[in-house]
Amino acid sequence: MFLPRSLCDTAAARGRTLEGHDPHASARDHRASTSATAFFDAIAGRYSRAYALDSNESRRRMARALGLLPSPPADVLDLGVGPGREIPFLLDQGYAPVGLDSSKAMLEHCARRARPIPLVQADFWQPLPFEDRSFDGVLALHGTLAHSSDAGALERLSFELARVTRPGAVWLSEVPSPAWLDSFDIDFGSSDCVIRRTGTQACEYEDRIASASIHVRIPSADDWRGALAPLWTVEIENIEPQLGAAHGIELAEAIRPAIEWRLIARRR
């Protein structure tokens, strides 16, 4: 997700504030979030260091994704492609990916890859700049869809993706579950970030290093199914933590409610 990697194994798993952080002070200092585009422009230079999954976890998740996508050489739209960390996995398997992102800075990082792909700068919460039936698969990984612009945005996106995909297309998303937000009993803060709850299914996330913040929406399972119907069938599976000392995850923590879901949507 958008949460810095250094905090994922502590804050989200244990659900507590860090010593010295005053949640009431955070509320008093509440600031309006920047746009999603401005936020990702601001963090682009440090995304791979602070936000991206480690290489082992990336490989594990992409192996699952590749097993669910239509067979290559399928055309795959990568929503919120960012610096393009999943692109080599797709190219190695013979897929034809197209990356879309609203952040010019993220796309500039992606364009530096050794094997460039077509890249499009656009806001995927708006009408998509593609012809009907252009793609066989869609990826929206690592919390890309957690920053919807309004309550109806997911439903509009589902209709747009149905328009630009072919019958039988698969749309895979990795999204935070409500358990992620519930793991923070009160506001959370560290030297890198602040998370301020703004509702039962929403929060503001501030990157203190980049001096940028963004609004986060956490739909329930029923919300997801309702937004994607009637054009998609939806299966939701837990993204379980990878056990092992290298990840600092104890068995007792592994049985907590999953803080991330994988949405597997199939076009009707």
C-alpha atoms as a PDB file:
ATOM      1  CA  MET A   1       0.000   0.000   0.000  1.00  0.00           C
ATOM      2  CA  PHE A   2       0.925   3.650   0.304  1.00  0.00           C
ATOM      3  CA  LEU A   3       2.164   3.045   3.873  1.00  0.00           C
ATOM      4  CA  PRO A   4       5.964   3.296   4.071  1.00  0.00           C
ATOM      5  CA  ARG A   5       7.592  -0.132   4.159  1.00  0.00           C
ATOM      6  CA  SER A   6       9.313   0.623   7.473  1.00  0.00           C
ATOM      7  CA  LEU A   7       5.938   0.923   9.206  1.00  0.00           C
ATOM      8  CA  CYS A   8       4.034  -1.979   7.695  1.00  0.00           C
ATOM      9  CA  ASP A   9       5.342  -4.612  10.107  1.00  0.00           C
ATOM     10  CA  THR A  10       4.881  -2.434  13.181  1.00  0.00           C
ATOM     11  CA  ALA A  11       1.946  -0.053  12.998  1.00  0.00           C
ATOM     12  CA  ALA A  12      -0.476  -2.073  10.905  1.00  0.00           C
ATOM     13  CA  ALA A  13       0.268  -5.342  12.657  1.00  0.00           C
ATOM     14  CA  ARG A  14       0.249  -4.025  16.216  1.00  0.00           C
ATOM     15  CA  GLY A  15      -2.222  -1.140  16.006  1.00  0.00           C
ATOM     16  CA  ARG A  16      -0.665   1.416  18.329  1.00  0.00           C
ATOM     17  CA  THR A  17       0.750   4.903  18.194  1.00  0.00           C
ATOM     18  CA  LEU A  18       4.451   5.577  18.380  1.00  0.00           C
ATOM     19  CA  GLU A  19       5.878   7.005  21.557  1.00  0.00           C
ATOM     20  CA  GLY A  20       5.779  10.770  21.708  1.00  0.00           C
ATOM     21  CA  HIS A  21       3.001  11.251  19.151  1.00  0.00           C
ATOM     22  CA  ASP A  22       0.005  13.278  20.324  1.00  0.00           C
ATOM     23  CA  PRO A  23      -3.071  12.345  18.246  1.00  0.00           C
ATOM     24  CA  HIS A  24      -4.975  15.385  19.487  1.00  0.00           C
ATOM     25  CA  ALA A  25      -2.207  17.625  18.213  1.00  0.00           C
ATOM     26  CA  SER A  26      -2.524  15.910  14.821  1.00  0.00           C
ATOM     27  CA  ALA A  27      -6.238  16.644  14.746  1.00  0.00           C
ATOM     28  CA  ARG A  28      -5.635  20.297  15.599  1.00  0.00           C
ATOM     29  CA  ASP A  29      -3.004  20.478  12.864  1.00  0.00           C
ATOM     30  CA  HIS A  30      -5.256  18.839  10.260  1.00  0.00           C
ATOM     31  CA  ARG A  31      -4.530  20.054   6.754  1.00  0.00           C
ATOM     32  CA  ALA A  32      -6.405  19.463   3.519  1.00  0.00           C
ATOM     33  CA  SER A  33      -4.886  16.731   1.427  1.00  0.00           C
ATOM     34  CA  THR A  34      -3.190  17.498  -1.842  1.00  0.00           C
ATOM     35  CA  SER A  35      -4.541  15.947  -5.008  1.00  0.00           C
ATOM     36  CA  ALA A  36      -3.517  12.360  -5.703  1.00  0.00           C
ATOM     37  CA  THR A  37      -1.451  13.572  -8.654  1.00  0.00           C
ATOM     38  CA  ALA A  38       0.431  16.127  -6.563  1.00  0.00           C
ATOM     39  CA  PHE A  39       0.994  13.582  -3.803  1.00  0.00           C
ATOM     40  CA  PHE A  40       2.546  10.993  -6.104  1.00  0.00           C
ATOM     41  CA  ASP A  41       4.591  13.643  -7.879  1.00  0.00           C
ATOM     42  CA  ALA A  42       5.961  14.596  -4.459  1.00  0.00           C
ATOM     43  CA  ILE A  43       6.910  11.054  -3.392  1.00  0.00           C
ATOM     44  CA  ALA A  44       8.114   9.774  -6.778  1.00  0.00           C
ATOM     45  CA  GLY A  45      11.786  10.245  -5.974  1.00  0.00           C
ATOM     46  CA  ARG A  46      11.618   8.160  -2.808  1.00  0.00           C
ATOM     47  CA  TYR A  47       8.868   5.714  -3.738  1.00  0.00           C
ATOM     48  CA  SER A  48      11.120   2.739  -4.434  1.00  0.00           C
ATOM     49  CA  ARG A  49      13.028   3.242  -1.188  1.00  0.00           C
ATOM     50  CA  ALA A  50      10.151   3.991   1.165  1.00  0.00           C
ATOM     51  CA  TYR A  51       6.955   2.551  -0.291  1.00  0.00           C
ATOM     52  CA  ALA A  52       7.628  -0.327  -2.669  1.00  0.00           C
ATOM     53  CA  LEU A  53       7.388  -3.932  -1.530  1.00  0.00           C
ATOM     54  CA  ASP A  54      10.637  -5.825  -1.117  1.00  0.00           C
ATOM     55  CA  SER A  55      11.700  -7.947  -4.094  1.00  0.00           C
ATOM     56  CA  ASN A  56      10.660 -11.285  -2.562  1.00  0.00           C
ATOM     57  CA  GLU A  57       7.158 -10.070  -1.750  1.00  0.00           C
ATOM     58  CA  SER A  58       6.839  -8.473  -5.201  1.00  0.00           C
ATOM     59  CA  ARG A  59       7.742 -11.776  -6.864  1.00  0.00           C
ATOM     60  CA  ARG A  60       5.280 -13.677  -4.676  1.00  0.00           C
ATOM     61  CA  ARG A  61       2.407 -11.340  -5.477  1.00  0.00           C
ATOM     62  CA  MET A  62       3.199 -11.119  -9.180  1.00  0.00           C
ATOM     63  CA  ALA A  63       3.312 -14.915  -9.426  1.00  0.00           C
ATOM     64  CA  ARG A  64      -0.277 -14.955  -8.159  1.00  0.00           C
ATOM     65  CA  ALA A  65      -1.302 -12.163 -10.524  1.00  0.00           C
ATOM     66  CA  LEU A  66       0.242 -13.852 -13.550  1.00  0.00           C
ATOM     67  CA  GLY A  67      -1.639 -17.022 -12.682  1.00  0.00           C
ATOM     68  CA  LEU A  68      -4.939 -15.127 -12.808  1.00  0.00           C
ATOM     69  CA  LEU A  69      -4.463 -12.970 -15.903  1.00  0.00           C
ATOM     70  CA  PRO A  70      -5.496 -14.247 -19.333  1.00  0.00           C
ATOM     71  CA  SER A  71      -2.705 -16.066 -21.133  1.00  0.00           C
ATOM     72  CA  PRO A  72      -0.083 -14.026 -23.013  1.00  0.00           C
ATOM     73  CA  PRO A  73       0.229 -12.301 -25.365  1.00  0.00           C
ATOM     74  CA  ALA A  74      -2.685 -10.503 -23.704  1.00  0.00           C
ATOM     75  CA  ASP A  75      -2.942  -6.705 -23.668  1.00  0.00           C
ATOM     76  CA  VAL A  76      -2.747  -5.534 -20.038  1.00  0.00           C
ATOM     77  CA  LEU A  77      -3.548  -2.073 -18.701  1.00  0.00           C
ATOM     78  CA  ASP A  78      -1.544  -1.194 -15.584  1.00  0.00           C
ATOM     79  CA  LEU A  79      -3.464   1.465 -13.647  1.00  0.00           C
ATOM     80  CA  GLY A  80      -1.255   3.617 -11.454  1.00  0.00           C
ATOM     81  CA  VAL A  81       1.849   2.083 -12.986  1.00  0.00           C
ATOM     82  CA  GLY A  82       4.143   4.329 -10.910  1.00  0.00           C
ATOM     83  CA  PRO A  83       7.823   3.481 -11.457  1.00  0.00           C
ATOM     84  CA  GLY A  84       6.779   0.250 -13.173  1.00  0.00           C
ATOM     85  CA  ARG A  85       8.159  -2.381 -10.816  1.00  0.00           C
ATOM     86  CA  GLU A  86       5.763  -5.040 -12.147  1.00  0.00           C
ATOM     87  CA  ILE A  87       6.542  -4.356 -15.808  1.00  0.00           C
ATOM     88  CA  PRO A  88       9.521  -6.788 -16.087  1.00  0.00           C
ATOM     89  CA  PHE A  89       7.327  -9.630 -14.789  1.00  0.00           C
ATOM     90  CA  LEU A  90       4.740  -8.940 -17.489  1.00  0.00           C
ATOM     91  CA  LEU A  91       7.263  -8.577 -20.296  1.00  0.00           C
ATOM     92  CA  ASP A  92       9.137 -11.732 -19.281  1.00  0.00           C
ATOM     93  CA  GLN A  93       5.910 -13.717 -19.640  1.00  0.00           C
ATOM     94  CA  GLY A  94       5.070 -12.249 -23.047  1.00  0.00           C
ATOM     95  CA  TYR A  95       2.360  -9.775 -22.079  1.00  0.00           C
ATOM     96  CA  ALA A  96       1.840  -6.441 -23.846  1.00  0.00           C
ATOM     97  CA  PRO A  97       1.455  -3.900 -21.013  1.00  0.00           C
ATOM     98  CA  VAL A  98       0.404  -0.266 -21.210  1.00  0.00           C
ATOM     99  CA  GLY A  99       1.060   1.908 -18.161  1.00  0.00           C
ATOM    100  CA  LEU A 100      -1.246   4.697 -17.056  1.00  0.00           C
ATOM    101  CA  ASP A 101      -0.589   7.185 -14.262  1.00  0.00           C
ATOM    102  CA  SER A 102      -1.667  10.726 -13.472  1.00  0.00           C
ATOM    103  CA  SER A 103       1.766  11.558 -12.048  1.00  0.00           C
ATOM    104  CA  LYS A 104       4.245  12.892 -14.592  1.00  0.00           C
ATOM    105  CA  ALA A 105       7.110  12.327 -12.141  1.00  0.00           C
ATOM    106  CA  MET A 106       6.189   8.654 -11.684  1.00  0.00           C
ATOM    107  CA  LEU A 107       5.974   8.145 -15.444  1.00  0.00           C
ATOM    108  CA  GLU A 108       9.395   9.730 -15.898  1.00  0.00           C
ATOM    109  CA  HIS A 109      10.835   7.118 -13.525  1.00  0.00           C
ATOM    110  CA  CYS A 110       9.007   4.347 -15.382  1.00  0.00           C
ATOM    111  CA  ALA A 111      10.269   5.578 -18.764  1.00  0.00           C
ATOM    112  CA  ARG A 112      13.875   5.032 -17.631  1.00  0.00           C
ATOM    113  CA  ARG A 113      13.422   1.274 -17.480  1.00  0.00           C
ATOM    114  CA  ALA A 114      15.611  -0.795 -19.794  1.00  0.00           C
ATOM    115  CA  ARG A 115      12.568  -2.155 -21.614  1.00  0.00           C
ATOM    116  CA  PRO A 116      10.185   0.780 -22.094  1.00  0.00           C
ATOM    117  CA  ILE A 117       6.469   0.285 -22.654  1.00  0.00           C
ATOM    118  CA  PRO A 118       3.711   2.618 -23.874  1.00  0.00           C
ATOM    119  CA  LEU A 119       2.917   5.104 -21.111  1.00  0.00           C
ATOM    120  CA  VAL A 120      -0.116   7.369 -20.827  1.00  0.00           C
ATOM    121  CA  GLN A 121      -0.532  10.285 -18.439  1.00  0.00           C
ATOM    122  CA  ALA A 122      -4.172  10.418 -17.385  1.00  0.00           C
ATOM    123  CA  ASP A 123      -6.430  10.332 -14.343  1.00  0.00           C
ATOM    124  CA  PHE A 124      -8.119   6.931 -14.234  1.00  0.00           C
ATOM    125  CA  TRP A 125     -10.980   8.344 -12.141  1.00  0.00           C
ATOM    126  CA  GLN A 126     -11.964  10.210 -15.312  1.00  0.00           C
ATOM    127  CA  PRO A 127     -12.982   8.702 -18.693  1.00  0.00           C
ATOM    128  CA  LEU A 128     -10.120   6.551 -19.942  1.00  0.00           C
ATOM    129  CA  PRO A 129      -8.289   7.611 -23.131  1.00  0.00           C
ATOM    130  CA  PHE A 130      -8.616   4.217 -24.863  1.00  0.00           C
ATOM    131  CA  GLU A 131     -10.838   2.699 -27.519  1.00  0.00           C
ATOM    132  CA  ASP A 132     -13.494   0.150 -26.632  1.00  0.00           C
ATOM    133  CA  ARG A 133     -12.258  -3.429 -26.103  1.00  0.00           C
ATOM    134  CA  SER A 134      -8.556  -2.544 -26.054  1.00  0.00           C
ATOM    135  CA  PHE A 135      -7.386  -4.814 -23.201  1.00  0.00           C
ATOM    136  CA  ASP A 136      -7.634  -8.371 -21.944  1.00  0.00           C
ATOM    137  CA  GLY A 137      -6.519  -7.612 -18.399  1.00  0.00           C
ATOM    138  CA  VAL A 138      -6.192  -4.766 -15.904  1.00  0.00           C
ATOM    139  CA  LEU A 139      -3.853  -4.427 -12.922  1.00  0.00           C
ATOM    140  CA  ALA A 140      -4.301  -1.952 -10.056  1.00  0.00           C
ATOM    141  CA  LEU A 141      -1.713  -3.060  -7.527  1.00  0.00           C
ATOM    142  CA  HIS A 142      -0.284  -1.855  -4.216  1.00  0.00           C
ATOM    143  CA  GLY A 143      -3.277   0.201  -3.056  1.00  0.00           C
ATOM    144  CA  THR A 144      -3.731   2.159  -6.285  1.00  0.00           C
ATOM    145  CA  LEU A 145      -7.513   2.311  -5.850  1.00  0.00           C
ATOM    146  CA  ALA A 146      -7.419   3.546  -2.237  1.00  0.00           C
ATOM    147  CA  HIS A 147      -7.555   7.181  -3.336  1.00  0.00           C
ATOM    148  CA  SER A 148     -10.908   7.430  -5.102  1.00  0.00           C
ATOM    149  CA  SER A 149     -12.026  10.970  -5.766  1.00  0.00           C
ATOM    150  CA  ASP A 150     -15.583  10.570  -4.437  1.00  0.00           C
ATOM    151  CA  ALA A 151     -18.107   7.956  -3.316  1.00  0.00           C
ATOM    152  CA  GLY A 152     -19.237   7.159  -6.865  1.00  0.00           C
ATOM    153  CA  ALA A 153     -15.770   6.937  -8.402  1.00  0.00           C
ATOM    154  CA  LEU A 154     -15.389   3.153  -8.123  1.00  0.00           C
ATOM    155  CA  GLU A 155     -18.670   2.521  -9.916  1.00  0.00           C
ATOM    156  CA  ARG A 156     -17.699   4.895 -12.723  1.00  0.00           C
ATOM    157  CA  LEU A 157     -14.292   3.234 -13.023  1.00  0.00           C
ATOM    158  CA  SER A 158     -15.903  -0.199 -13.235  1.00  0.00           C
ATOM    159  CA  PHE A 159     -18.023   0.956 -16.181  1.00  0.00           C
ATOM    160  CA  GLU A 160     -15.021   2.538 -17.920  1.00  0.00           C
ATOM    161  CA  LEU A 161     -12.907  -0.600 -17.472  1.00  0.00           C
ATOM    162  CA  ALA A 162     -15.748  -2.726 -18.800  1.00  0.00           C
ATOM    163  CA  ARG A 163     -15.818  -0.447 -21.851  1.00  0.00           C
ATOM    164  CA  VAL A 164     -12.086  -0.660 -22.607  1.00  0.00           C
ATOM    165  CA  THR A 165     -11.747  -4.409 -21.951  1.00  0.00           C
ATOM    166  CA  ARG A 166     -12.771  -7.394 -24.013  1.00  0.00           C
ATOM    167  CA  PRO A 167     -15.324 -10.005 -22.900  1.00  0.00           C
ATOM    168  CA  GLY A 168     -13.755 -12.356 -20.361  1.00  0.00           C
ATOM    169  CA  ALA A 169     -11.182  -9.796 -19.229  1.00  0.00           C
ATOM    170  CA  VAL A 170      -9.703 -10.027 -15.714  1.00  0.00           C
ATOM    171  CA  TRP A 171      -9.190  -7.014 -13.451  1.00  0.00           C
ATOM    172  CA  LEU A 172      -6.876  -7.579 -10.475  1.00  0.00           C
ATOM    173  CA  SER A 173      -6.538  -5.107  -7.622  1.00  0.00           C
ATOM    174  CA  GLU A 174      -4.641  -5.047  -4.333  1.00  0.00           C
ATOM    175  CA  VAL A 175      -6.502  -2.885  -1.826  1.00  0.00           C
ATOM    176  CA  PRO A 176      -6.366  -2.146   1.903  1.00  0.00           C
ATOM    177  CA  SER A 177      -9.137  -3.847   3.870  1.00  0.00           C
ATOM    178  CA  PRO A 178     -11.086  -2.186   6.702  1.00  0.00           C
ATOM    179  CA  ALA A 179      -8.857  -4.180   9.088  1.00  0.00           C
ATOM    180  CA  TRP A 180      -5.931  -2.021   7.954  1.00  0.00           C
ATOM    181  CA  LEU A 181      -7.629   1.131   9.178  1.00  0.00           C
ATOM    182  CA  ASP A 182      -9.014  -0.583  12.287  1.00  0.00           C
ATOM    183  CA  SER A 183      -5.475  -1.530  13.298  1.00  0.00           C
ATOM    184  CA  PHE A 184      -4.966   2.134  14.180  1.00  0.00           C
ATOM    185  CA  ASP A 185      -7.112   2.645  17.275  1.00  0.00           C
ATOM    186  CA  ILE A 186      -6.223   6.340  17.267  1.00  0.00           C
ATOM    187  CA  ASP A 187      -4.174   8.572  15.019  1.00  0.00           C
ATOM    188  CA  PHE A 188      -0.750   7.217  14.167  1.00  0.00           C
ATOM    189  CA  GLY A 189       2.435   9.209  13.730  1.00  0.00           C
ATOM    190  CA  SER A 190       6.137   8.717  13.179  1.00  0.00           C
ATOM    191  CA  SER A 191       9.055  10.708  11.839  1.00  0.00           C
ATOM    192  CA  ASP A 192       7.999   9.719   8.290  1.00  0.00           C
ATOM    193  CA  CYS A 193       4.219   9.897   8.266  1.00  0.00           C
ATOM    194  CA  VAL A 194       0.977  10.702  10.056  1.00  0.00           C
ATOM    195  CA  ILE A 195      -2.314   8.862   9.623  1.00  0.00           C
ATOM    196  CA  ARG A 196      -5.407  10.718  10.800  1.00  0.00           C
ATOM    197  CA  ARG A 197      -8.739   8.916  10.848  1.00  0.00           C
ATOM    198  CA  THR A 198     -11.458  11.051   9.277  1.00  0.00           C
ATOM    199  CA  GLY A 199     -14.310   8.526   9.394  1.00  0.00           C
ATOM    200  CA  THR A 200     -15.164   4.866   9.815  1.00  0.00           C
ATOM    201  CA  GLN A 201     -13.800   4.090   6.345  1.00  0.00           C
ATOM    202  CA  ALA A 202     -11.467   6.990   5.648  1.00  0.00           C
ATOM    203  CA  CYS A 203      -8.277   8.682   6.760  1.00  0.00           C
ATOM    204  CA  GLU A 204      -5.749  11.283   5.732  1.00  0.00           C
ATOM    205  CA  TYR A 205      -2.222  10.065   5.090  1.00  0.00           C
ATOM    206  CA  GLU A 206       0.624  12.586   5.338  1.00  0.00           C
ATOM    207  CA  ASP A 207       4.162  11.944   4.137  1.00  0.00           C
ATOM    208  CA  ARG A 208       6.213  14.228   6.357  1.00  0.00           C
ATOM    209  CA  ILE A 209       9.381  13.851   4.287  1.00  0.00           C
ATOM    210  CA  ALA A 210       7.666  14.949   1.072  1.00  0.00           C
ATOM    211  CA  SER A 211       5.349  17.443   2.822  1.00  0.00           C
ATOM    212  CA  ALA A 212       2.343  16.002   1.008  1.00  0.00           C
ATOM    213  CA  SER A 213      -0.873  14.332   2.080  1.00  0.00           C
ATOM    214  CA  ILE A 214      -3.662  12.347   0.468  1.00  0.00           C
ATOM    215  CA  HIS A 215      -7.163  11.173   1.300  1.00  0.00           C
ATOM    216  CA  VAL A 216      -7.694   7.418   1.673  1.00  0.00           C
ATOM    217  CA  ARG A 217     -11.008   5.591   1.282  1.00  0.00           C
ATOM    218  CA  ILE A 218     -11.359   1.997   2.525  1.00  0.00           C
ATOM    219  CA  PRO A 219     -14.472   0.345   1.003  1.00  0.00           C
ATOM    220  CA  SER A 220     -15.963  -2.746   2.607  1.00  0.00           C
ATOM    221  CA  ALA A 221     -16.314  -6.031   0.744  1.00  0.00           C
ATOM    222  CA  ASP A 222     -19.981  -5.221   0.088  1.00  0.00           C
ATOM    223  CA  ASP A 223     -18.993  -1.782  -1.208  1.00  0.00           C
ATOM    224  CA  TRP A 224     -16.613  -3.359  -3.712  1.00  0.00           C
ATOM    225  CA  ARG A 225     -19.140  -5.902  -4.913  1.00  0.00           C
ATOM    226  CA  GLY A 226     -21.827  -3.261  -5.243  1.00  0.00           C
ATOM    227  CA  ALA A 227     -19.599  -0.874  -7.194  1.00  0.00           C
ATOM    228  CA  LEU A 228     -18.408  -3.494  -9.680  1.00  0.00           C
ATOM    229  CA  ALA A 229     -21.759  -5.178 -10.323  1.00  0.00           C
ATOM    230  CA  PRO A 230     -23.456  -5.773 -12.734  1.00  0.00           C
ATOM    231  CA  LEU A 231     -20.584  -5.748 -15.228  1.00  0.00           C
ATOM    232  CA  TRP A 232     -18.061  -7.774 -13.208  1.00  0.00           C
ATOM    233  CA  THR A 233     -18.144 -10.844 -11.031  1.00  0.00           C
ATOM    234  CA  VAL A 234     -15.985 -10.277  -7.955  1.00  0.00           C
ATOM    235  CA  GLU A 235     -13.967 -12.628  -5.779  1.00  0.00           C
ATOM    236  CA  ILE A 236     -12.103 -11.281  -2.759  1.00  0.00           C
ATOM    237  CA  GLU A 237      -9.159 -13.118  -1.254  1.00  0.00           C
ATOM    238  CA  ASN A 238      -6.882 -12.211   1.629  1.00  0.00           C
ATOM    239  CA  ILE A 239      -3.305 -11.225   0.924  1.00  0.00           C
ATOM    240  CA  GLU A 240      -1.660 -13.099   3.754  1.00  0.00           C
ATOM    241  CA  PRO A 241       1.659 -11.959   5.232  1.00  0.00           C
ATOM    242  CA  GLN A 242       4.637 -14.036   4.250  1.00  0.00           C
ATOM    243  CA  LEU A 243       5.832 -15.834   7.380  1.00  0.00           C
ATOM    244  CA  GLY A 244       9.461 -15.748   8.325  1.00  0.00           C
ATOM    245  CA  ALA A 245      11.971 -14.006  10.503  1.00  0.00           C
ATOM    246  CA  ALA A 246      13.048 -11.789   7.645  1.00  0.00           C
ATOM    247  CA  HIS A 247       9.618 -10.147   7.703  1.00  0.00           C
ATOM    248  CA  GLY A 248       9.421  -9.901  11.504  1.00  0.00           C
ATOM    249  CA  ILE A 249       5.990 -11.534  11.599  1.00  0.00           C
ATOM    250  CA  GLU A 250       5.028 -13.714  14.533  1.00  0.00           C
ATOM    251  CA  LEU A 251       2.522 -16.539  14.166  1.00  0.00           C
ATOM    252  CA  ALA A 252       0.096 -14.759  16.495  1.00  0.00           C
ATOM    253  CA  GLU A 253       0.160 -11.733  14.207  1.00  0.00           C
ATOM    254  CA  ALA A 254      -0.369 -13.854  11.110  1.00  0.00           C
ATOM    255  CA  ILE A 255      -3.830 -14.906  12.286  1.00  0.00           C
ATOM    256  CA  ARG A 256      -5.064 -11.320  12.633  1.00  0.00           C
ATOM    257  CA  PRO A 257      -7.629 -10.162  10.039  1.00  0.00           C
ATOM    258  CA  ALA A 258      -5.928  -9.562   6.697  1.00  0.00           C
ATOM    259  CA  ILE A 259      -5.080  -5.904   6.180  1.00  0.00           C
ATOM    260  CA  GLU A 260      -4.990  -6.276   2.382  1.00  0.00           C
ATOM    261  CA  TRP A 261      -7.325  -7.907  -0.112  1.00  0.00           C
ATOM    262  CA  ARG A 262      -6.844  -9.079  -3.668  1.00  0.00           C
ATOM    263  CA  LEU A 263      -9.899  -8.346  -5.790  1.00  0.00           C
ATOM    264  CA  ILE A 264     -10.358 -10.687  -8.730  1.00  0.00           C
ATOM    265  CA  ALA A 265     -12.981  -9.231 -11.070  1.00  0.00           C
ATOM    266  CA  ARG A 266     -14.028 -10.975 -14.263  1.00  0.00           C
ATOM    267  CA  ARG A 267     -15.898  -9.165 -16.997  1.00  0.00           C
ATOM    268  CA  ARG A 268     -19.314 -10.649 -17.638  1.00  0.00           C
END
